[in-house]
Structure formats: structure tokens, C-alpha cells
Amino acid sequence: MKRLFIEYPKCLTCQRAKKYLEERNVVFTDRHIVEDNPTEEELTEWIRRSGYPIKKFFNTSGMKYKELGLKDKLADMSEKEQIQLLATDGMLVKRPLIIEKERILVGFREKEWIFD
């Protein structure tokens, strides 16, 4: 499996992460999160494999998250409903994401982004 970098190109954090990868000659395939939103199946697999709680996959600082009032609604939704919601709009998904065979990285934290 190739390394997949999922980003929103206008996102400054995504831009920093991409530059970080390129400076270290990390090979990846790029994917625009809005033009090619993660599917329910992908999200289900990534959440399971990552070991992270589903909330980590929500872009909690995003306008869409706030517009929909998700801070108060997520607790009453099942995991399946939350995944279905994430799959409707790439702007709801935390980014950038790195999808690898061995791990999933959500958001850009330099100390976690170590590549061989």
C-alpha cells in the first residue's frame, strides 16, 4: 500500500505538513479531501485501524462543524451515524491525514510524523 496524504490544499496546516513531507523526500500520493471525500468504508477502516476515538476524525475547529452544532449532537449519535456524517463532507474531517499500511496519522504533529 502506498502512503496516502489527504489534504485540503487551502489549509495552512496541510500546506505545512506537505512541505514537511517534501523536505524529507517522503513519497506519497496526494488526495484532495473535498473533491474526493473519504467514504464510509474508508473511514470505518481508518478509525478501527488507528485506535483513535472517532471524535479525533472530526475537524472540531472547522466552520462546518460549528454550523451544524456538532459539539452538542455527536454524543447522541451512534458511531455508524457519525461515520455517515463524516462521509458527507470532507470539511468535517480532520486533516491532514496520512494513511499507511501500518498506521494512520490524523492532524499534523511533527513529533508523530516520523518516516523511515
Protein backbone atom coordinates (compact mmCIF):
# COMPACT_ATOMS: atom_id res chain seq x y z
CA MET A 1 0.00 0.00 0.00
CA LYS A 2 1.32 3.40 -0.94
CA ARG A 3 1.32 6.24 1.56
CA LEU A 4 -1.74 8.44 1.09
CA PHE A 5 -1.72 12.12 2.08
CA ILE A 6 -5.22 13.54 2.37
CA GLU A 7 -5.41 17.31 2.48
CA TYR A 8 -7.39 20.44 1.82
CA PRO A 9 -4.89 22.48 -0.23
CA LYS A 10 -6.01 25.86 1.19
CA CYS A 11 -5.48 24.65 4.76
CA LEU A 12 -2.31 26.18 6.21
CA THR A 13 -1.66 23.14 8.41
CA CYS A 14 -1.96 20.89 5.36
CA GLN A 15 0.48 23.12 3.48
CA ARG A 16 2.99 22.91 6.35
CA ALA A 17 2.58 19.13 6.53
CA LYS A 18 3.06 18.72 2.79
CA LYS A 19 6.20 20.88 2.88
CA TYR A 20 7.46 18.81 5.82
CA LEU A 21 6.97 15.60 3.80
CA GLU A 22 8.57 17.01 0.66
CA GLU A 23 11.62 18.33 2.56
CA ARG A 24 12.18 14.80 3.88
CA ASN A 25 11.64 13.17 0.47
CA VAL A 26 8.69 11.18 1.80
CA VAL A 27 6.88 9.55 -1.12
CA PHE A 28 3.09 9.89 -1.07
CA THR A 29 0.00 10.09 -3.19
CA ASP A 30 -1.95 13.30 -2.73
CA ARG A 31 -5.74 13.40 -2.36
CA HIS A 32 -8.00 16.47 -2.10
CA ILE A 33 -10.38 15.83 0.81
CA VAL A 34 -13.28 17.83 -0.67
CA GLU A 35 -13.01 16.63 -4.27
CA ASP A 36 -12.53 13.02 -3.15
CA ASN A 37 -14.14 12.80 0.29
CA PRO A 38 -13.37 9.67 2.34
CA THR A 39 -16.14 7.08 2.05
CA GLU A 40 -17.95 5.42 4.95
CA GLU A 41 -15.98 2.25 4.27
CA GLU A 42 -12.64 4.05 4.30
CA LEU A 43 -13.47 5.99 7.45
CA THR A 44 -14.69 2.87 9.23
CA GLU A 45 -11.45 1.06 8.41
CA TRP A 46 -9.21 4.03 9.29
CA ILE A 47 -10.93 4.64 12.62
CA ARG A 48 -10.65 0.95 13.51
CA ARG A 49 -7.01 0.69 12.45
CA SER A 50 -5.93 3.97 14.03
CA GLY A 51 -7.01 3.12 17.57
CA TYR A 52 -8.17 6.72 17.93
CA PRO A 53 -11.64 7.65 19.16
CA ILE A 54 -13.94 8.71 16.33
CA LYS A 55 -14.03 12.30 17.62
CA LYS A 56 -10.37 12.68 16.61
CA PHE A 57 -11.52 12.38 12.97
CA PHE A 58 -13.81 15.41 13.24
CA ASN A 59 -12.50 18.83 12.31
CA THR A 60 -13.79 20.36 15.55
CA SER A 61 -12.36 23.79 14.76
CA GLY A 62 -13.96 23.93 11.31
CA MET A 63 -16.83 26.20 10.32
CA LYS A 64 -18.97 23.30 9.10
CA TYR A 65 -18.64 21.51 12.45
CA LYS A 66 -19.72 24.67 14.26
CA GLU A 67 -22.53 25.49 11.79
CA LEU A 68 -24.06 22.05 12.35
CA GLY A 69 -23.74 22.35 16.14
CA LEU A 70 -21.96 19.01 16.29
CA LYS A 71 -20.35 19.70 19.66
CA ASP A 72 -23.74 19.07 21.25
CA LYS A 73 -25.04 16.46 18.79
CA LEU A 74 -22.24 13.87 18.49
CA ALA A 75 -22.79 12.37 21.94
CA ASP A 76 -26.33 11.36 20.93
CA MET A 77 -25.22 9.77 17.64
CA SER A 78 -24.06 6.20 17.15
CA GLU A 79 -20.60 5.56 15.72
CA LYS A 80 -22.22 4.49 12.45
CA GLU A 81 -24.19 7.76 12.27
CA GLN A 82 -21.04 9.76 12.99
CA ILE A 83 -19.15 7.96 10.22
CA GLN A 84 -22.04 8.51 7.81
CA LEU A 85 -21.93 12.21 8.67
CA LEU A 86 -18.16 12.43 8.15
CA ALA A 87 -18.56 10.80 4.74
CA THR A 88 -20.96 13.52 3.59
CA ASP A 89 -18.47 16.40 3.61
CA GLY A 90 -14.67 16.46 3.55
CA MET A 91 -14.70 19.72 5.50
CA LEU A 92 -15.96 17.81 8.55
CA VAL A 93 -12.90 15.54 8.53
CA LYS A 94 -9.76 16.46 10.48
CA ARG A 95 -6.85 16.99 8.17
CA PRO A 96 -4.28 16.32 7.03
CA LEU A 97 -4.41 12.55 7.18
CA ILE A 98 -1.64 10.09 6.43
CA ILE A 99 -2.85 6.60 5.58
CA GLU A 100 -0.19 3.89 5.64
CA LYS A 101 -0.30 0.14 5.91
CA GLU A 102 0.99 0.24 9.49
CA ARG A 103 -0.57 3.43 10.83
CA ILE A 104 -2.98 6.30 10.41
CA LEU A 105 -1.98 9.86 11.33
CA VAL A 106 -4.70 12.45 11.94
CA GLY A 107 -3.73 16.11 12.03
CA PHE A 108 -0.16 17.35 11.75
CA ARG A 109 2.06 16.85 14.77
CA GLU A 110 5.68 16.89 13.75
CA LYS A 111 6.81 14.65 16.61
CA GLU A 112 4.41 11.90 15.41
CA TRP A 113 5.28 12.27 11.74
CA ILE A 114 8.42 10.15 11.64
CA PHE A 115 9.16 8.28 8.43
CA ASP A 116 11.91 5.80 7.61
